[in-house]
Amino acid sequence: MRTADRIMERCPPTGSCTIKHIQKEPTKDPVIKRLIVSVKPLTGAVARMQMGHRNIRRSPERPRFTSQMYRQH
């Protein structure tokens, strides 16, 4: 079974699955090896962004900026 097929089987319908949850298997295909190497930094960046977004939502509400243009006189 291909790795992509296993990812699709194990991911919840919400699509919140990460590649690290699948079992790793050795691959001899150089294209797949390069793809995996190039995707790792991207998945790490996405995970860091999601963690940052979660932290922002849990922080207390900040005062919102209001522009002088939109103030009513």
PDB file of N, CA and C in Angstrom:
ATOM      1  N   MET A   1       0.848  -1.182   0.000  1.00  0.00           N
ATOM      2  CA  MET A   1       0.000   0.000   0.000  1.00  0.00           C
ATOM      3  C   MET A   1       0.892   1.243   0.000  1.00  0.00           C
ATOM      4  N   ARG A   2       0.522   2.224  -0.779  1.00  0.00           N
ATOM      5  CA  ARG A   2       1.299   3.459  -0.859  1.00  0.00           C
ATOM      6  C   ARG A   2       1.105   4.311   0.400  1.00  0.00           C
ATOM      7  N   THR A   3       2.102   5.118   0.691  1.00  0.00           N
ATOM      8  CA  THR A   3       2.040   5.999   1.858  1.00  0.00           C
ATOM      9  C   THR A   3       0.847   6.938   1.771  1.00  0.00           C
ATOM     10  N   ALA A   4       0.604   7.505   0.603  1.00  0.00           N
ATOM     11  CA  ALA A   4      -0.525   8.434   0.447  1.00  0.00           C
ATOM     12  C   ALA A   4      -1.848   7.745   0.745  1.00  0.00           C
ATOM     13  N   ASP A   5      -1.978   6.475   0.349  1.00  0.00           N
ATOM     14  CA  ASP A   5      -3.212   5.736   0.633  1.00  0.00           C
ATOM     15  C   ASP A   5      -3.390   5.538   2.131  1.00  0.00           C
ATOM     16  N   ARG A   6      -2.291   5.255   2.838  1.00  0.00           N
ATOM     17  CA  ARG A   6      -2.389   5.062   4.286  1.00  0.00           C
ATOM     18  C   ARG A   6      -2.751   6.372   4.975  1.00  0.00           C
ATOM     19  N   ILE A   7      -2.220   7.479   4.480  1.00  0.00           N
ATOM     20  CA  ILE A   7      -2.565   8.774   5.074  1.00  0.00           C
ATOM     21  C   ILE A   7      -4.061   9.013   4.933  1.00  0.00           C
ATOM     22  N   MET A   8      -4.605   8.751   3.760  1.00  0.00           N
ATOM     23  CA  MET A   8      -6.031   8.968   3.530  1.00  0.00           C
ATOM     24  C   MET A   8      -6.877   8.066   4.425  1.00  0.00           C
ATOM     25  N   GLU A   9      -6.440   6.826   4.636  1.00  0.00           N
ATOM     26  CA  GLU A   9      -7.198   5.902   5.488  1.00  0.00           C
ATOM     27  C   GLU A   9      -7.221   6.359   6.939  1.00  0.00           C
ATOM     28  N   ARG A  10      -6.115   6.875   7.428  1.00  0.00           N
ATOM     29  CA  ARG A  10      -5.990   7.168   8.854  1.00  0.00           C
ATOM     30  C   ARG A  10      -6.412   8.573   9.242  1.00  0.00           C
ATOM     31  N   CYS A  11      -6.568   9.455   8.292  1.00  0.00           N
ATOM     32  CA  CYS A  11      -6.925  10.835   8.625  1.00  0.00           C
ATOM     33  C   CYS A  11      -8.406  10.951   8.959  1.00  0.00           C
ATOM     34  N   PRO A  12      -8.739  11.770   9.958  1.00  0.00           N
ATOM     35  CA  PRO A  12     -10.152  12.020  10.247  1.00  0.00           C
ATOM     36  C   PRO A  12     -10.771  12.858   9.133  1.00  0.00           C
ATOM     37  N   PRO A  13     -12.090  12.871   9.027  1.00  0.00           N
ATOM     38  CA  PRO A  13     -12.742  13.631   7.960  1.00  0.00           C
ATOM     39  C   PRO A  13     -12.466  15.130   8.015  1.00  0.00           C
ATOM     40  N   THR A  14     -12.051  15.629   9.166  1.00  0.00           N
ATOM     41  CA  THR A  14     -11.765  17.062   9.277  1.00  0.00           C
ATOM     42  C   THR A  14     -10.481  17.443   8.562  1.00  0.00           C
ATOM     43  N   GLY A  15      -9.656  16.461   8.228  1.00  0.00           N
ATOM     44  CA  GLY A  15      -8.407  16.741   7.525  1.00  0.00           C
ATOM     45  C   GLY A  15      -7.297  17.204   8.445  1.00  0.00           C
ATOM     46  N   SER A  16      -7.421  16.954   9.748  1.00  0.00           N
ATOM     47  CA  SER A  16      -6.417  17.438  10.692  1.00  0.00           C
ATOM     48  C   SER A  16      -5.348  16.387  10.973  1.00  0.00           C
ATOM     49  N   CYS A  17      -5.023  15.603   9.992  1.00  0.00           N
ATOM     50  CA  CYS A  17      -4.014  14.550  10.145  1.00  0.00           C
ATOM     51  C   CYS A  17      -2.635  15.103   9.810  1.00  0.00           C
ATOM     52  N   THR A  18      -1.629  14.604  10.504  1.00  0.00           N
ATOM     53  CA  THR A  18      -0.273  15.000  10.162  1.00  0.00           C
ATOM     54  C   THR A  18       0.499  13.780   9.696  1.00  0.00           C
ATOM     55  N   ILE A  19       1.497  14.013   8.872  1.00  0.00           N
ATOM     56  CA  ILE A  19       2.251  12.913   8.285  1.00  0.00           C
ATOM     57  C   ILE A  19       2.983  12.115   9.350  1.00  0.00           C
ATOM     58  N   LYS A  20       3.362  12.721  10.463  1.00  0.00           N
ATOM     59  CA  LYS A  20       4.126  12.000  11.475  1.00  0.00           C
ATOM     60  C   LYS A  20       3.329  10.858  12.102  1.00  0.00           C
ATOM     61  N   HIS A  21       2.017  10.813  11.903  1.00  0.00           N
ATOM     62  CA  HIS A  21       1.209   9.753  12.491  1.00  0.00           C
ATOM     63  C   HIS A  21       1.216   8.462  11.687  1.00  0.00           C
ATOM     64  N   ILE A  22       1.771   8.467  10.486  1.00  0.00           N
ATOM     65  CA  ILE A  22       1.790   7.244   9.697  1.00  0.00           C
ATOM     66  C   ILE A  22       3.042   6.452  10.021  1.00  0.00           C
ATOM     67  N   GLN A  23       3.008   5.169   9.721  1.00  0.00           N
ATOM     68  CA  GLN A  23       4.190   4.351   9.914  1.00  0.00           C
ATOM     69  C   GLN A  23       5.177   4.665   8.806  1.00  0.00           C
ATOM     70  N   LYS A  24       6.447   4.754   9.172  1.00  0.00           N
ATOM     71  CA  LYS A  24       7.458   5.050   8.171  1.00  0.00           C
ATOM     72  C   LYS A  24       7.917   3.750   7.530  1.00  0.00           C
ATOM     73  N   GLU A  25       8.145   3.815   6.261  1.00  0.00           N
ATOM     74  CA  GLU A  25       8.644   2.648   5.551  1.00  0.00           C
ATOM     75  C   GLU A  25       9.812   3.084   4.685  1.00  0.00           C
ATOM     76  N   PRO A  26      10.804   2.224   4.539  1.00  0.00           N
ATOM     77  CA  PRO A  26      11.937   2.602   3.694  1.00  0.00           C
ATOM     78  C   PRO A  26      11.515   2.678   2.231  1.00  0.00           C
ATOM     79  N   THR A  27      12.084   3.615   1.515  1.00  0.00           N
ATOM     80  CA  THR A  27      11.779   3.741   0.097  1.00  0.00           C
ATOM     81  C   THR A  27      13.073   3.790  -0.693  1.00  0.00           C
ATOM     82  N   LYS A  28      13.058   3.169  -1.848  1.00  0.00           N
ATOM     83  CA  LYS A  28      14.246   3.165  -2.697  1.00  0.00           C
ATOM     84  C   LYS A  28      14.097   4.137  -3.855  1.00  0.00           C
ATOM     85  N   ASP A  29      12.927   4.699  -4.019  1.00  0.00           N
ATOM     86  CA  ASP A  29      12.675   5.614  -5.123  1.00  0.00           C
ATOM     87  C   ASP A  29      13.282   6.978  -4.792  1.00  0.00           C
ATOM     88  N   PRO A  30      14.251   7.465  -5.584  1.00  0.00           N
ATOM     89  CA  PRO A  30      14.889   8.749  -5.266  1.00  0.00           C
ATOM     90  C   PRO A  30      13.933   9.938  -5.342  1.00  0.00           C
ATOM     91  N   VAL A  31      12.913   9.861  -6.183  1.00  0.00           N
ATOM     92  CA  VAL A  31      11.944  10.957  -6.279  1.00  0.00           C
ATOM     93  C   VAL A  31      11.169  11.078  -4.976  1.00  0.00           C
ATOM     94  N   ILE A  32      10.740   9.949  -4.430  1.00  0.00           N
ATOM     95  CA  ILE A  32      10.002   9.945  -3.162  1.00  0.00           C
ATOM     96  C   ILE A  32      10.901  10.451  -2.036  1.00  0.00           C
ATOM     97  N   LYS A  33      12.159  10.022  -2.030  1.00  0.00           N
ATOM     98  CA  LYS A  33      13.085  10.486  -0.990  1.00  0.00           C
ATOM     99  C   LYS A  33      13.229  12.005  -1.024  1.00  0.00           C
ATOM    100  N   ARG A  34      13.395  12.571  -2.227  1.00  0.00           N
ATOM    101  CA  ARG A  34      13.524  14.028  -2.347  1.00  0.00           C
ATOM    102  C   ARG A  34      12.237  14.732  -1.944  1.00  0.00           C
ATOM    103  N   LEU A  35      11.103  14.136  -2.292  1.00  0.00           N
ATOM    104  CA  LEU A  35       9.816  14.724  -1.919  1.00  0.00           C
ATOM    105  C   LEU A  35       9.670  14.784  -0.400  1.00  0.00           C
ATOM    106  N   ILE A  36      10.017  13.695   0.262  1.00  0.00           N
ATOM    107  CA  ILE A  36       9.916  13.643   1.726  1.00  0.00           C
ATOM    108  C   ILE A  36      10.829  14.691   2.352  1.00  0.00           C
ATOM    109  N   VAL A  37      12.053  14.807   1.847  1.00  0.00           N
ATOM    110  CA  VAL A  37      13.001  15.785   2.386  1.00  0.00           C
ATOM    111  C   VAL A  37      12.479  17.205   2.188  1.00  0.00           C
ATOM    112  N   SER A  38      11.853  17.465   1.049  1.00  0.00           N
ATOM    113  CA  SER A  38      11.373  18.822   0.787  1.00  0.00           C
ATOM    114  C   SER A  38      10.092  19.148   1.546  1.00  0.00           C
ATOM    115  N   VAL A  39       9.311  18.148   1.918  1.00  0.00           N
ATOM    116  CA  VAL A  39       8.041  18.383   2.609  1.00  0.00           C
ATOM    117  C   VAL A  39       8.242  18.572   4.113  1.00  0.00           C
ATOM    118  N   LYS A  40       9.265  17.978   4.685  1.00  0.00           N
ATOM    119  CA  LYS A  40       9.473  18.059   6.139  1.00  0.00           C
ATOM    120  C   LYS A  40       9.532  19.494   6.657  1.00  0.00           C
ATOM    121  N   PRO A  41      10.305  20.400   6.040  1.00  0.00           N
ATOM    122  CA  PRO A  41      10.308  21.780   6.556  1.00  0.00           C
ATOM    123  C   PRO A  41       8.941  22.452   6.441  1.00  0.00           C
ATOM    124  N   LEU A  42       8.207  22.125   5.391  1.00  0.00           N
ATOM    125  CA  LEU A  42       6.880  22.713   5.204  1.00  0.00           C
ATOM    126  C   LEU A  42       5.924  22.252   6.295  1.00  0.00           C
ATOM    127  N   THR A  43       5.929  20.952   6.593  1.00  0.00           N
ATOM    128  CA  THR A  43       5.027  20.455   7.632  1.00  0.00           C
ATOM    129  C   THR A  43       5.410  21.020   8.997  1.00  0.00           C
ATOM    130  N   GLY A  44       6.713  21.201   9.230  1.00  0.00           N
ATOM    131  CA  GLY A  44       7.147  21.820  10.484  1.00  0.00           C
ATOM    132  C   GLY A  44       6.678  23.258  10.593  1.00  0.00           C
ATOM    133  N   ALA A  45       6.762  23.988   9.493  1.00  0.00           N
ATOM    134  CA  ALA A  45       6.319  25.385   9.496  1.00  0.00           C
ATOM    135  C   ALA A  45       4.817  25.485   9.727  1.00  0.00           C
ATOM    136  N   VAL A  46       4.058  24.593   9.105  1.00  0.00           N
ATOM    137  CA  VAL A  46       2.600  24.594   9.291  1.00  0.00           C
ATOM    138  C   VAL A  46       2.262  24.282  10.743  1.00  0.00           C
ATOM    139  N   ALA A  47       2.951  23.313  11.324  1.00  0.00           N
ATOM    140  CA  ALA A  47       2.692  22.963  12.725  1.00  0.00           C
ATOM    141  C   ALA A  47       2.997  24.147  13.640  1.00  0.00           C
ATOM    142  N   ARG A  48       4.101  24.856  13.365  1.00  0.00           N
ATOM    143  CA  ARG A  48       4.436  26.026  14.200  1.00  0.00           C
ATOM    144  C   ARG A  48       3.401  27.129  14.036  1.00  0.00           C
ATOM    145  N   MET A  49       2.920  27.318  12.811  1.00  0.00           N
ATOM    146  CA  MET A  49       1.886  28.332  12.584  1.00  0.00           C
ATOM    147  C   MET A  49       0.608  27.979  13.330  1.00  0.00           C
ATOM    148  N   GLN A  50       0.228  26.698  13.293  1.00  0.00           N
ATOM    149  CA  GLN A  50      -0.997  26.277  13.980  1.00  0.00           C
ATOM    150  C   GLN A  50      -0.857  26.467  15.479  1.00  0.00           C
ATOM    151  N   MET A  51       0.303  26.167  16.031  1.00  0.00           N
ATOM    152  CA  MET A  51       0.510  26.363  17.467  1.00  0.00           C
ATOM    153  C   MET A  51       0.442  27.849  17.809  1.00  0.00           C
ATOM    154  N   GLY A  52       1.007  28.689  16.982  1.00  0.00           N
ATOM    155  CA  GLY A  52       0.944  30.131  17.213  1.00  0.00           C
ATOM    156  C   GLY A  52      -0.479  30.632  17.156  1.00  0.00           C
ATOM    157  N   HIS A  53      -1.252  30.113  16.218  1.00  0.00           N
ATOM    158  CA  HIS A  53      -2.654  30.517  16.082  1.00  0.00           C
ATOM    159  C   HIS A  53      -3.448  30.091  17.311  1.00  0.00           C
ATOM    160  N   ARG A  54      -3.190  28.896  17.817  1.00  0.00           N
ATOM    161  CA  ARG A  54      -3.889  28.424  19.024  1.00  0.00           C
ATOM    162  C   ARG A  54      -3.541  29.297  20.216  1.00  0.00           C
ATOM    163  N   ASN A  55      -2.278  29.696  20.326  1.00  0.00           N
ATOM    164  CA  ASN A  55      -1.868  30.535  21.454  1.00  0.00           C
ATOM    165  C   ASN A  55      -2.517  31.909  21.387  1.00  0.00           C
ATOM    166  N   ILE A  56      -2.664  32.453  20.195  1.00  0.00           N
ATOM    167  CA  ILE A  56      -3.293  33.769  20.046  1.00  0.00           C
ATOM    168  C   ILE A  56      -4.751  33.705  20.468  1.00  0.00           C
ATOM    169  N   ARG A  57      -5.451  32.644  20.070  1.00  0.00           N
ATOM    170  CA  ARG A  57      -6.869  32.525  20.422  1.00  0.00           C
ATOM    171  C   ARG A  57      -7.063  32.396  21.920  1.00  0.00           C
ATOM    172  N   ARG A  58      -6.134  31.774  22.617  1.00  0.00           N
ATOM    173  CA  ARG A  58      -6.294  31.566  24.055  1.00  0.00           C
ATOM    174  C   ARG A  58      -5.863  32.780  24.867  1.00  0.00           C
ATOM    175  N   SER A  59      -5.156  33.701  24.256  1.00  0.00           N
ATOM    176  CA  SER A  59      -4.704  34.876  24.998  1.00  0.00           C
ATOM    177  C   SER A  59      -5.878  35.822  25.216  1.00  0.00           C
ATOM    178  N   PRO A  60      -5.794  36.689  26.222  1.00  0.00           N
ATOM    179  CA  PRO A  60      -6.905  37.623  26.478  1.00  0.00           C
ATOM    180  C   PRO A  60      -7.141  38.537  25.280  1.00  0.00           C
ATOM    181  N   GLU A  61      -8.342  38.997  25.170  1.00  0.00           N
ATOM    182  CA  GLU A  61      -8.729  39.874  24.054  1.00  0.00           C
ATOM    183  C   GLU A  61      -7.925  41.166  24.121  1.00  0.00           C
ATOM    184  N   ARG A  62      -7.328  41.537  22.995  1.00  0.00           N
ATOM    185  CA  ARG A  62      -6.571  42.786  22.918  1.00  0.00           C
ATOM    186  C   ARG A  62      -7.483  43.893  22.414  1.00  0.00           C
ATOM    187  N   PRO A  63      -7.228  45.137  22.826  1.00  0.00           N
ATOM    188  CA  PRO A  63      -8.044  46.231  22.280  1.00  0.00           C
ATOM    189  C   PRO A  63      -7.833  46.333  20.774  1.00  0.00           C
ATOM    190  N   ARG A  64      -8.895  46.575  20.067  1.00  0.00           N
ATOM    191  CA  ARG A  64      -8.824  46.642  18.611  1.00  0.00           C
ATOM    192  C   ARG A  64      -8.450  48.044  18.163  1.00  0.00           C
ATOM    193  N   PHE A  65      -7.697  48.109  17.090  1.00  0.00           N
ATOM    194  CA  PHE A  65      -7.279  49.385  16.515  1.00  0.00           C
ATOM    195  C   PHE A  65      -8.433  49.957  15.712  1.00  0.00           C
ATOM    196  N   THR A  66      -8.756  51.216  15.964  1.00  0.00           N
ATOM    197  CA  THR A  66      -9.781  51.879  15.151  1.00  0.00           C
ATOM    198  C   THR A  66      -9.136  53.048  14.443  1.00  0.00           C
ATOM    199  N   SER A  67      -9.344  53.100  13.184  1.00  0.00           N
ATOM    200  CA  SER A  67      -8.747  54.144  12.368  1.00  0.00           C
ATOM    201  C   SER A  67      -9.516  55.445  12.546  1.00  0.00           C
ATOM    202  N   GLN A  68      -8.813  56.551  12.439  1.00  0.00           N
ATOM    203  CA  GLN A  68      -9.450  57.864  12.531  1.00  0.00           C
ATOM    204  C   GLN A  68     -10.438  58.064  11.391  1.00  0.00           C
ATOM    205  N   MET A  69     -10.193  57.408  10.261  1.00  0.00           N
ATOM    206  CA  MET A  69     -11.077  57.562   9.101  1.00  0.00           C
ATOM    207  C   MET A  69     -12.484  57.050   9.393  1.00  0.00           C
ATOM    208  N   TYR A  70     -12.586  56.016  10.224  1.00  0.00           N
ATOM    209  CA  TYR A  70     -13.879  55.380  10.425  1.00  0.00           C
ATOM    210  C   TYR A  70     -14.640  55.916  11.634  1.00  0.00           C
ATOM    211  N   ARG A  71     -14.048  56.821  12.375  1.00  0.00           N
ATOM    212  CA  ARG A  71     -14.744  57.369  13.544  1.00  0.00           C
ATOM    213  C   ARG A  71     -15.856  58.300  13.098  1.00  0.00           C
ATOM    214  N   GLN A  72     -16.968  58.200  13.789  1.00  0.00           N
ATOM    215  CA  GLN A  72     -18.091  59.086  13.465  1.00  0.00           C
ATOM    216  C   GLN A  72     -17.972  60.354  14.299  1.00  0.00           C
ATOM    217  N   HIS A  73     -18.251  61.495  13.702  1.00  0.00           N
ATOM    218  CA  HIS A  73     -18.152  62.779  14.409  1.00  0.00           C
ATOM    219  C   HIS A  73     -19.508  63.255  14.824  1.00  0.00           C
TER     220      HIS A  73
END
